[in-house]
All heavy atoms as atom14 arrays in JSON, in Angstrom:
{
  "sequence": "NYRITRDTISVPDVSRESATSPDFAQRIAAGLGLGTEVRGTFRV",
  "atom14_mask": [
    [1, 1, 1, 1, 1, 1, 1, 1, 0, 0, 0, 0, 0, 0],
    [1, 1, 1, 1, 1, 1, 1, 1, 1, 1, 1, 1, 0, 0],
    [1, 1, 1, 1, 1, 1, 1, 1, 1, 1, 1, 0, 0, 0],
    [1, 1, 1, 1, 1, 1, 1, 1, 0, 0, 0, 0, 0, 0],
    [1, 1, 1, 1, 1, 1, 1, 0, 0, 0, 0, 0, 0, 0],
    [1, 1, 1, 1, 1, 1, 1, 1, 1, 1, 1, 0, 0, 0],
    [1, 1, 1, 1, 1, 1, 1, 1, 0, 0, 0, 0, 0, 0],
    [1, 1, 1, 1, 1, 1, 1, 0, 0, 0, 0, 0, 0, 0],
    [1, 1, 1, 1, 1, 1, 1, 1, 0, 0, 0, 0, 0, 0],
    [1, 1, 1, 1, 1, 1, 0, 0, 0, 0, 0, 0, 0, 0],
    [1, 1, 1, 1, 1, 1, 1, 0, 0, 0, 0, 0, 0, 0],
    [1, 1, 1, 1, 1, 1, 1, 0, 0, 0, 0, 0, 0, 0],
    [1, 1, 1, 1, 1, 1, 1, 1, 0, 0, 0, 0, 0, 0],
    [1, 1, 1, 1, 1, 1, 1, 0, 0, 0, 0, 0, 0, 0],
    [1, 1, 1, 1, 1, 1, 0, 0, 0, 0, 0, 0, 0, 0],
    [1, 1, 1, 1, 1, 1, 1, 1, 1, 1, 1, 0, 0, 0],
    [1, 1, 1, 1, 1, 1, 1, 1, 1, 0, 0, 0, 0, 0],
    [1, 1, 1, 1, 1, 1, 0, 0, 0, 0, 0, 0, 0, 0],
    [1, 1, 1, 1, 1, 0, 0, 0, 0, 0, 0, 0, 0, 0],
    [1, 1, 1, 1, 1, 1, 1, 0, 0, 0, 0, 0, 0, 0],
    [1, 1, 1, 1, 1, 1, 0, 0, 0, 0, 0, 0, 0, 0],
    [1, 1, 1, 1, 1, 1, 1, 0, 0, 0, 0, 0, 0, 0],
    [1, 1, 1, 1, 1, 1, 1, 1, 0, 0, 0, 0, 0, 0],
    [1, 1, 1, 1, 1, 1, 1, 1, 1, 1, 1, 0, 0, 0],
    [1, 1, 1, 1, 1, 0, 0, 0, 0, 0, 0, 0, 0, 0],
    [1, 1, 1, 1, 1, 1, 1, 1, 1, 0, 0, 0, 0, 0],
    [1, 1, 1, 1, 1, 1, 1, 1, 1, 1, 1, 0, 0, 0],
    [1, 1, 1, 1, 1, 1, 1, 1, 0, 0, 0, 0, 0, 0],
    [1, 1, 1, 1, 1, 0, 0, 0, 0, 0, 0, 0, 0, 0],
    [1, 1, 1, 1, 1, 0, 0, 0, 0, 0, 0, 0, 0, 0],
    [1, 1, 1, 1, 0, 0, 0, 0, 0, 0, 0, 0, 0, 0],
    [1, 1, 1, 1, 1, 1, 1, 1, 0, 0, 0, 0, 0, 0],
    [1, 1, 1, 1, 0, 0, 0, 0, 0, 0, 0, 0, 0, 0],
    [1, 1, 1, 1, 1, 1, 1, 1, 0, 0, 0, 0, 0, 0],
    [1, 1, 1, 1, 0, 0, 0, 0, 0, 0, 0, 0, 0, 0],
    [1, 1, 1, 1, 1, 1, 1, 0, 0, 0, 0, 0, 0, 0],
    [1, 1, 1, 1, 1, 1, 1, 1, 1, 0, 0, 0, 0, 0],
    [1, 1, 1, 1, 1, 1, 1, 0, 0, 0, 0, 0, 0, 0],
    [1, 1, 1, 1, 1, 1, 1, 1, 1, 1, 1, 0, 0, 0],
    [1, 1, 1, 1, 0, 0, 0, 0, 0, 0, 0, 0, 0, 0],
    [1, 1, 1, 1, 1, 1, 1, 0, 0, 0, 0, 0, 0, 0],
    [1, 1, 1, 1, 1, 1, 1, 1, 1, 1, 1, 0, 0, 0],
    [1, 1, 1, 1, 1, 1, 1, 1, 1, 1, 1, 0, 0, 0],
    [1, 1, 1, 1, 1, 1, 1, 0, 0, 0, 0, 0, 0, 0]
  ],
  "atom14_positions": [
    [[0.8, -1.22, 0.0], [0.0, 0.0, 0.0], [0.84, 1.28, 0.0], [0.39, 2.32, -0.48], [-0.92, 0.02, 1.22], [-1.96, -1.08, 1.17], [-2.54, -1.36, 0.13], [-2.2, -1.72, 2.3], [0.0, 0.0, 0.0], [0.0, 0.0, 0.0], [0.0, 0.0, 0.0], [0.0, 0.0, 0.0], [0.0, 0.0, 0.0], [0.0, 0.0, 0.0]],
    [[2.07, 1.19, 0.55], [2.89, 2.4, 0.67], [4.34, 2.11, 0.25], [4.85, 1.02, 0.47], [2.89, 2.91, 2.13], [1.52, 3.32, 2.62], [0.73, 2.43, 3.36], [0.99, 4.58, 2.34], [-0.54, 2.78, 3.8], [-0.27, 4.94, 2.78], [-1.03, 4.04, 3.5], [-2.28, 4.41, 3.94], [0.0, 0.0, 0.0], [0.0, 0.0, 0.0]],
    [[4.96, 3.13, -0.34], [6.38, 3.06, -0.68], [7.15, 3.84, 0.39], [6.92, 5.03, 0.59], [6.63, 3.66, -2.07], [8.08, 3.62, -2.51], [8.28, 4.28, -3.86], [7.64, 3.53, -4.93], [6.53, 3.9, -5.54], [5.91, 5.01, -5.18], [6.01, 3.16, -6.51], [0.0, 0.0, 0.0], [0.0, 0.0, 0.0], [0.0, 0.0, 0.0]],
    [[8.06, 3.17, 1.07], [8.81, 3.8, 2.15], [10.27, 3.95, 1.72], [10.91, 2.97, 1.34], [8.72, 2.96, 3.45], [7.25, 2.8, 3.86], [9.52, 3.61, 4.56], [7.03, 1.87, 5.03], [0.0, 0.0, 0.0], [0.0, 0.0, 0.0], [0.0, 0.0, 0.0], [0.0, 0.0, 0.0], [0.0, 0.0, 0.0], [0.0, 0.0, 0.0]],
    [[10.79, 5.17, 1.78], [12.18, 5.44, 1.44], [12.9, 6.05, 2.64], [12.31, 6.81, 3.41], [12.29, 6.4, 0.24], [11.64, 7.65, 0.55], [11.63, 5.8, -1.0], [0.0, 0.0, 0.0], [0.0, 0.0, 0.0], [0.0, 0.0, 0.0], [0.0, 0.0, 0.0], [0.0, 0.0, 0.0], [0.0, 0.0, 0.0], [0.0, 0.0, 0.0]],
    [[14.19, 5.71, 2.78], [15.0, 6.24, 3.88], [16.32, 6.79, 3.32], [16.99, 6.11, 2.56], [15.28, 5.16, 4.93], [14.04, 4.68, 5.66], [14.38, 3.62, 6.7], [13.19, 3.17, 7.43], [12.4, 2.18, 7.02], [12.66, 1.54, 5.88], [11.34, 1.84, 7.74], [0.0, 0.0, 0.0], [0.0, 0.0, 0.0], [0.0, 0.0, 0.0]],
    [[16.65, 8.01, 3.71], [17.9, 8.65, 3.29], [18.61, 9.18, 4.53], [17.99, 9.82, 5.4], [17.63, 9.81, 2.32], [16.91, 9.35, 1.06], [17.46, 8.5, 0.35], [15.78, 9.84, 0.81], [0.0, 0.0, 0.0], [0.0, 0.0, 0.0], [0.0, 0.0, 0.0], [0.0, 0.0, 0.0], [0.0, 0.0, 0.0], [0.0, 0.0, 0.0]],
    [[19.91, 8.93, 4.6], [20.72, 9.4, 5.73], [21.59, 10.56, 5.27], [22.32, 10.45, 4.28], [21.59, 8.27, 6.3], [20.74, 7.2, 6.72], [22.41, 8.76, 7.48], [0.0, 0.0, 0.0], [0.0, 0.0, 0.0], [0.0, 0.0, 0.0], [0.0, 0.0, 0.0], [0.0, 0.0, 0.0], [0.0, 0.0, 0.0], [0.0, 0.0, 0.0]],
    [[21.5, 11.7, 6.0], [22.2, 12.93, 5.63], [22.93, 13.48, 6.86], [22.42, 13.4, 7.98], [21.21, 13.98, 5.1], [20.44, 13.42, 3.9], [21.92, 15.27, 4.7], [19.34, 14.34, 3.39], [0.0, 0.0, 0.0], [0.0, 0.0, 0.0], [0.0, 0.0, 0.0], [0.0, 0.0, 0.0], [0.0, 0.0, 0.0], [0.0, 0.0, 0.0]],
    [[24.1, 14.04, 6.63], [24.86, 14.67, 7.71], [24.21, 16.01, 8.08], [23.78, 16.77, 7.21], [26.31, 14.92, 7.3], [26.97, 13.71, 7.04], [0.0, 0.0, 0.0], [0.0, 0.0, 0.0], [0.0, 0.0, 0.0], [0.0, 0.0, 0.0], [0.0, 0.0, 0.0], [0.0, 0.0, 0.0], [0.0, 0.0, 0.0], [0.0, 0.0, 0.0]],
    [[24.12, 16.25, 9.37], [23.56, 17.52, 9.85], [24.55, 18.13, 10.83], [24.74, 17.63, 11.95], [22.19, 17.3, 10.53], [21.11, 17.08, 9.51], [22.23, 16.13, 11.49], [0.0, 0.0, 0.0], [0.0, 0.0, 0.0], [0.0, 0.0, 0.0], [0.0, 0.0, 0.0], [0.0, 0.0, 0.0], [0.0, 0.0, 0.0], [0.0, 0.0, 0.0]],
    [[25.22, 19.21, 10.45], [26.21, 19.83, 11.34], [25.53, 20.63, 12.46], [24.32, 20.91, 12.42], [26.97, 20.77, 10.39], [25.97, 21.1, 9.33], [25.12, 19.88, 9.15], [0.0, 0.0, 0.0], [0.0, 0.0, 0.0], [0.0, 0.0, 0.0], [0.0, 0.0, 0.0], [0.0, 0.0, 0.0], [0.0, 0.0, 0.0], [0.0, 0.0, 0.0]],
    [[26.3, 20.97, 13.42], [25.87, 21.85, 14.52], [24.69, 21.28, 15.3], [23.74, 22.0, 15.65], [25.51, 23.25, 13.99], [26.66, 23.89, 13.23], [27.81, 23.67, 13.65], [26.41, 24.59, 12.23], [0.0, 0.0, 0.0], [0.0, 0.0, 0.0], [0.0, 0.0, 0.0], [0.0, 0.0, 0.0], [0.0, 0.0, 0.0], [0.0, 0.0, 0.0]],
    [[24.71, 19.98, 15.55], [23.71, 19.4, 16.45], [24.44, 18.74, 17.62], [25.55, 18.21, 17.47], [22.82, 18.36, 15.74], [21.98, 19.02, 14.67], [23.63, 17.22, 15.18], [0.0, 0.0, 0.0], [0.0, 0.0, 0.0], [0.0, 0.0, 0.0], [0.0, 0.0, 0.0], [0.0, 0.0, 0.0], [0.0, 0.0, 0.0], [0.0, 0.0, 0.0]],
    [[23.82, 18.82, 18.76], [24.41, 18.23, 19.96], [23.29, 17.9, 20.93], [22.13, 18.26, 20.7], [25.4, 19.2, 20.61], [24.73, 20.37, 21.03], [0.0, 0.0, 0.0], [0.0, 0.0, 0.0], [0.0, 0.0, 0.0], [0.0, 0.0, 0.0], [0.0, 0.0, 0.0], [0.0, 0.0, 0.0], [0.0, 0.0, 0.0], [0.0, 0.0, 0.0]],
    [[23.66, 17.24, 22.0], [22.64, 16.9, 22.99], [22.08, 18.16, 23.64], [20.91, 18.2, 24.0], [23.25, 15.98, 24.05], [23.75, 14.65, 23.49], [24.11, 13.68, 24.59], [24.63, 12.41, 24.03], [24.7, 11.28, 24.71], [24.29, 11.23, 25.97], [25.18, 10.18, 24.13], [0.0, 0.0, 0.0], [0.0, 0.0, 0.0], [0.0, 0.0, 0.0]],
    [[22.93, 19.17, 23.75], [22.47, 20.42, 24.35], [21.54, 21.17, 23.41], [20.5, 21.7, 23.83], [23.67, 21.31, 24.71], [24.54, 20.79, 25.83], [25.4, 19.59, 25.41], [25.64, 19.42, 24.18], [25.79, 18.82, 26.29], [0.0, 0.0, 0.0], [0.0, 0.0, 0.0], [0.0, 0.0, 0.0], [0.0, 0.0, 0.0], [0.0, 0.0, 0.0]],
    [[21.88, 21.19, 22.09], [21.04, 21.93, 21.14], [19.67, 21.3, 20.99], [18.7, 21.96, 20.59], [21.74, 22.03, 19.79], [21.86, 20.73, 19.2], [0.0, 0.0, 0.0], [0.0, 0.0, 0.0], [0.0, 0.0, 0.0], [0.0, 0.0, 0.0], [0.0, 0.0, 0.0], [0.0, 0.0, 0.0], [0.0, 0.0, 0.0], [0.0, 0.0, 0.0]],
    [[19.57, 20.01, 21.28], [18.29, 19.32, 21.13], [17.25, 19.8, 22.14], [16.05, 19.54, 21.97], [18.48, 17.82, 21.26], [0.0, 0.0, 0.0], [0.0, 0.0, 0.0], [0.0, 0.0, 0.0], [0.0, 0.0, 0.0], [0.0, 0.0, 0.0], [0.0, 0.0, 0.0], [0.0, 0.0, 0.0], [0.0, 0.0, 0.0], [0.0, 0.0, 0.0]],
    [[17.71, 20.5, 23.17], [16.76, 21.01, 24.17], [16.18, 22.35, 23.77], [15.27, 22.85, 24.43], [17.47, 21.15, 25.53], [18.57, 22.06, 25.4], [18.0, 19.8, 26.01], [0.0, 0.0, 0.0], [0.0, 0.0, 0.0], [0.0, 0.0, 0.0], [0.0, 0.0, 0.0], [0.0, 0.0, 0.0], [0.0, 0.0, 0.0], [0.0, 0.0, 0.0]],
    [[16.67, 22.92, 22.68], [16.18, 24.22, 22.23], [14.75, 24.1, 21.71], [14.42, 23.12, 21.03], [17.1, 24.76, 21.13], [16.54, 25.93, 20.56], [0.0, 0.0, 0.0], [0.0, 0.0, 0.0], [0.0, 0.0, 0.0], [0.0, 0.0, 0.0], [0.0, 0.0, 0.0], [0.0, 0.0, 0.0], [0.0, 0.0, 0.0], [0.0, 0.0, 0.0]],
    [[13.89, 25.09, 21.99], [12.49, 25.03, 21.53], [12.35, 24.99, 20.01], [11.37, 24.44, 19.5], [11.87, 26.31, 22.11], [12.75, 26.68, 23.26], [14.15, 26.26, 22.86], [0.0, 0.0, 0.0], [0.0, 0.0, 0.0], [0.0, 0.0, 0.0], [0.0, 0.0, 0.0], [0.0, 0.0, 0.0], [0.0, 0.0, 0.0], [0.0, 0.0, 0.0]],
    [[13.31, 25.59, 19.3], [13.2, 25.62, 17.84], [14.08, 24.56, 17.18], [14.37, 24.65, 15.98], [13.58, 27.01, 17.32], [15.03, 27.36, 17.62], [15.65, 26.71, 18.5], [15.56, 28.29, 16.98], [0.0, 0.0, 0.0], [0.0, 0.0, 0.0], [0.0, 0.0, 0.0], [0.0, 0.0, 0.0], [0.0, 0.0, 0.0], [0.0, 0.0, 0.0]],
    [[14.48, 23.54, 17.93], [15.37, 22.5, 17.38], [14.72, 21.8, 16.18], [15.35, 21.63, 15.13], [15.69, 21.47, 18.48], [16.48, 20.29, 17.97], [17.84, 20.39, 17.72], [15.85, 19.06, 17.74], [18.57, 19.3, 17.26], [16.58, 17.96, 17.28], [17.93, 18.09, 17.04], [0.0, 0.0, 0.0], [0.0, 0.0, 0.0], [0.0, 0.0, 0.0]],
    [[13.47, 21.4, 16.33], [12.8, 20.67, 15.25], [12.68, 21.53, 13.99], [12.91, 21.06, 12.88], [11.43, 20.2, 15.71], [0.0, 0.0, 0.0], [0.0, 0.0, 0.0], [0.0, 0.0, 0.0], [0.0, 0.0, 0.0], [0.0, 0.0, 0.0], [0.0, 0.0, 0.0], [0.0, 0.0, 0.0], [0.0, 0.0, 0.0], [0.0, 0.0, 0.0]],
    [[12.32, 22.82, 14.16], [12.19, 23.71, 13.01], [13.54, 23.89, 12.31], [13.61, 23.92, 11.07], [11.64, 25.07, 13.44], [10.15, 25.09, 13.75], [9.82, 24.51, 15.13], [10.73, 24.21, 15.91], [8.54, 24.36, 15.4], [0.0, 0.0, 0.0], [0.0, 0.0, 0.0], [0.0, 0.0, 0.0], [0.0, 0.0, 0.0], [0.0, 0.0, 0.0]],
    [[14.62, 24.02, 13.08], [15.95, 24.19, 12.48], [16.38, 22.94, 11.72], [16.98, 23.02, 10.65], [16.97, 24.53, 13.56], [16.84, 25.95, 14.1], [17.99, 26.38, 14.97], [18.05, 25.65, 16.23], [18.94, 24.71, 16.51], [19.85, 24.34, 15.61], [18.93, 24.1, 17.7], [0.0, 0.0, 0.0], [0.0, 0.0, 0.0], [0.0, 0.0, 0.0]],
    [[16.06, 21.76, 12.26], [16.39, 20.51, 11.58], [15.64, 20.41, 10.26], [16.21, 20.09, 9.21], [16.06, 19.3, 12.47], [17.05, 19.21, 13.65], [16.08, 18.0, 11.66], [18.48, 18.91, 13.23], [0.0, 0.0, 0.0], [0.0, 0.0, 0.0], [0.0, 0.0, 0.0], [0.0, 0.0, 0.0], [0.0, 0.0, 0.0], [0.0, 0.0, 0.0]],
    [[14.34, 20.72, 10.3], [13.53, 20.65, 9.08], [14.03, 21.63, 8.02], [14.13, 21.29, 6.84], [12.06, 20.92, 9.41], [0.0, 0.0, 0.0], [0.0, 0.0, 0.0], [0.0, 0.0, 0.0], [0.0, 0.0, 0.0], [0.0, 0.0, 0.0], [0.0, 0.0, 0.0], [0.0, 0.0, 0.0], [0.0, 0.0, 0.0], [0.0, 0.0, 0.0]],
    [[14.35, 22.85, 8.45], [14.84, 23.86, 7.51], [16.21, 23.47, 6.96], [16.48, 23.62, 5.76], [14.9, 25.21, 8.2], [0.0, 0.0, 0.0], [0.0, 0.0, 0.0], [0.0, 0.0, 0.0], [0.0, 0.0, 0.0], [0.0, 0.0, 0.0], [0.0, 0.0, 0.0], [0.0, 0.0, 0.0], [0.0, 0.0, 0.0], [0.0, 0.0, 0.0]],
    [[17.08, 22.94, 7.81], [18.41, 22.56, 7.38], [18.4, 21.4, 6.38], [19.28, 21.31, 5.52], [0.0, 0.0, 0.0], [0.0, 0.0, 0.0], [0.0, 0.0, 0.0], [0.0, 0.0, 0.0], [0.0, 0.0, 0.0], [0.0, 0.0, 0.0], [0.0, 0.0, 0.0], [0.0, 0.0, 0.0], [0.0, 0.0, 0.0], [0.0, 0.0, 0.0]],
    [[17.42, 20.55, 6.48], [17.31, 19.42, 5.56], [16.46, 19.75, 4.33], [16.26, 18.89, 3.46], [16.68, 18.21, 6.29], [17.52, 17.62, 7.43], [16.72, 16.54, 8.16], [18.82, 17.04, 6.9], [0.0, 0.0, 0.0], [0.0, 0.0, 0.0], [0.0, 0.0, 0.0], [0.0, 0.0, 0.0], [0.0, 0.0, 0.0], [0.0, 0.0, 0.0]],
    [[15.98, 20.98, 4.26], [15.17, 21.38, 3.11], [13.77, 20.81, 3.13], [13.14, 20.67, 2.08], [0.0, 0.0, 0.0], [0.0, 0.0, 0.0], [0.0, 0.0, 0.0], [0.0, 0.0, 0.0], [0.0, 0.0, 0.0], [0.0, 0.0, 0.0], [0.0, 0.0, 0.0], [0.0, 0.0, 0.0], [0.0, 0.0, 0.0], [0.0, 0.0, 0.0]],
    [[13.29, 20.47, 4.32], [11.94, 19.94, 4.47], [11.05, 21.05, 4.98], [10.84, 21.21, 6.18], [11.94, 18.75, 5.43], [12.88, 17.6, 5.07], [12.89, 16.55, 6.19], [12.46, 16.95, 3.76], [0.0, 0.0, 0.0], [0.0, 0.0, 0.0], [0.0, 0.0, 0.0], [0.0, 0.0, 0.0], [0.0, 0.0, 0.0], [0.0, 0.0, 0.0]],
    [[10.53, 21.83, 4.07], [9.73, 22.98, 4.46], [8.31, 22.63, 4.79], [7.38, 23.22, 4.24], [0.0, 0.0, 0.0], [0.0, 0.0, 0.0], [0.0, 0.0, 0.0], [0.0, 0.0, 0.0], [0.0, 0.0, 0.0], [0.0, 0.0, 0.0], [0.0, 0.0, 0.0], [0.0, 0.0, 0.0], [0.0, 0.0, 0.0], [0.0, 0.0, 0.0]],
    [[8.13, 21.66, 5.64], [6.78, 21.25, 6.02], [6.55, 21.51, 7.5], [7.5, 21.74, 8.27], [6.56, 19.75, 5.75], [7.56, 18.99, 6.43], [6.65, 19.45, 4.25], [0.0, 0.0, 0.0], [0.0, 0.0, 0.0], [0.0, 0.0, 0.0], [0.0, 0.0, 0.0], [0.0, 0.0, 0.0], [0.0, 0.0, 0.0], [0.0, 0.0, 0.0]],
    [[5.31, 21.48, 7.88], [4.95, 21.77, 9.26], [5.43, 20.68, 10.21], [5.32, 19.49, 9.93], [3.43, 21.87, 9.35], [2.92, 22.13, 10.77], [1.41, 22.1, 10.83], [0.77, 21.98, 9.77], [0.88, 22.17, 11.96], [0.0, 0.0, 0.0], [0.0, 0.0, 0.0], [0.0, 0.0, 0.0], [0.0, 0.0, 0.0], [0.0, 0.0, 0.0]],
    [[6.03, 21.11, 11.32], [6.46, 20.18, 12.36], [5.26, 19.8, 13.21], [4.6, 20.66, 13.79], [7.57, 20.8, 13.24], [7.94, 19.84, 14.37], [8.8, 21.13, 12.4], [0.0, 0.0, 0.0], [0.0, 0.0, 0.0], [0.0, 0.0, 0.0], [0.0, 0.0, 0.0], [0.0, 0.0, 0.0], [0.0, 0.0, 0.0], [0.0, 0.0, 0.0]],
    [[5.0, 18.5, 13.27], [3.83, 18.04, 14.01], [4.16, 17.58, 15.42], [3.28, 17.45, 16.26], [3.16, 16.9, 13.24], [2.54, 17.36, 11.93], [1.68, 16.27, 11.32], [0.92, 16.77, 10.19], [0.06, 16.04, 9.48], [-0.12, 14.76, 9.81], [-0.6, 16.57, 8.48], [0.0, 0.0, 0.0], [0.0, 0.0, 0.0], [0.0, 0.0, 0.0]],
    [[5.44, 17.3, 15.68], [5.81, 16.88, 17.02], [7.22, 16.33, 17.07], [7.86, 16.11, 16.03], [0.0, 0.0, 0.0], [0.0, 0.0, 0.0], [0.0, 0.0, 0.0], [0.0, 0.0, 0.0], [0.0, 0.0, 0.0], [0.0, 0.0, 0.0], [0.0, 0.0, 0.0], [0.0, 0.0, 0.0], [0.0, 0.0, 0.0], [0.0, 0.0, 0.0]],
    [[7.71, 16.11, 18.27], [9.03, 15.52, 18.47], [8.95, 14.48, 19.58], [8.01, 14.48, 20.39], [10.07, 16.59, 18.86], [9.67, 17.2, 20.1], [10.2, 17.65, 17.79], [0.0, 0.0, 0.0], [0.0, 0.0, 0.0], [0.0, 0.0, 0.0], [0.0, 0.0, 0.0], [0.0, 0.0, 0.0], [0.0, 0.0, 0.0], [0.0, 0.0, 0.0]],
    [[9.95, 13.58, 19.57], [10.01, 12.56, 20.62], [11.48, 12.27, 20.91], [12.25, 11.96, 20.0], [9.3, 11.29, 20.18], [9.39, 10.17, 21.17], [8.71, 10.24, 22.38], [10.16, 9.04, 20.91], [8.79, 9.2, 23.31], [10.26, 8.02, 21.83], [9.57, 8.09, 23.04], [0.0, 0.0, 0.0], [0.0, 0.0, 0.0], [0.0, 0.0, 0.0]],
    [[11.85, 12.37, 22.19], [13.22, 12.09, 22.6], [13.34, 10.6, 22.89], [12.91, 10.1, 23.94], [13.58, 12.92, 23.84], [15.07, 12.92, 24.21], [15.86, 13.75, 23.23], [17.29, 13.82, 23.59], [17.87, 14.88, 24.13], [17.14, 15.99, 24.38], [19.16, 14.88, 24.4], [0.0, 0.0, 0.0], [0.0, 0.0, 0.0], [0.0, 0.0, 0.0]],
    [[13.89, 9.86, 21.92], [14.01, 8.42, 22.07], [14.95, 8.07, 23.21], [14.65, 7.23, 24.06], [14.51, 7.79, 20.75], [14.64, 6.27, 20.9], [13.58, 8.13, 19.6], [0.0, 0.0, 0.0], [0.0, 0.0, 0.0], [0.0, 0.0, 0.0], [0.0, 0.0, 0.0], [0.0, 0.0, 0.0], [0.0, 0.0, 0.0], [0.0, 0.0, 0.0]]
  ]
}
């Protein structure tokens, strides 16, 4: 029913400390060129 693709990309300037920033998810999405709405995050 669905086609699932996975791509691994390097993302500079990330750390355990930066992950606590409120805009971390938005910065990750923008840095990867994913200009879509962030629906949520989960700290695995």
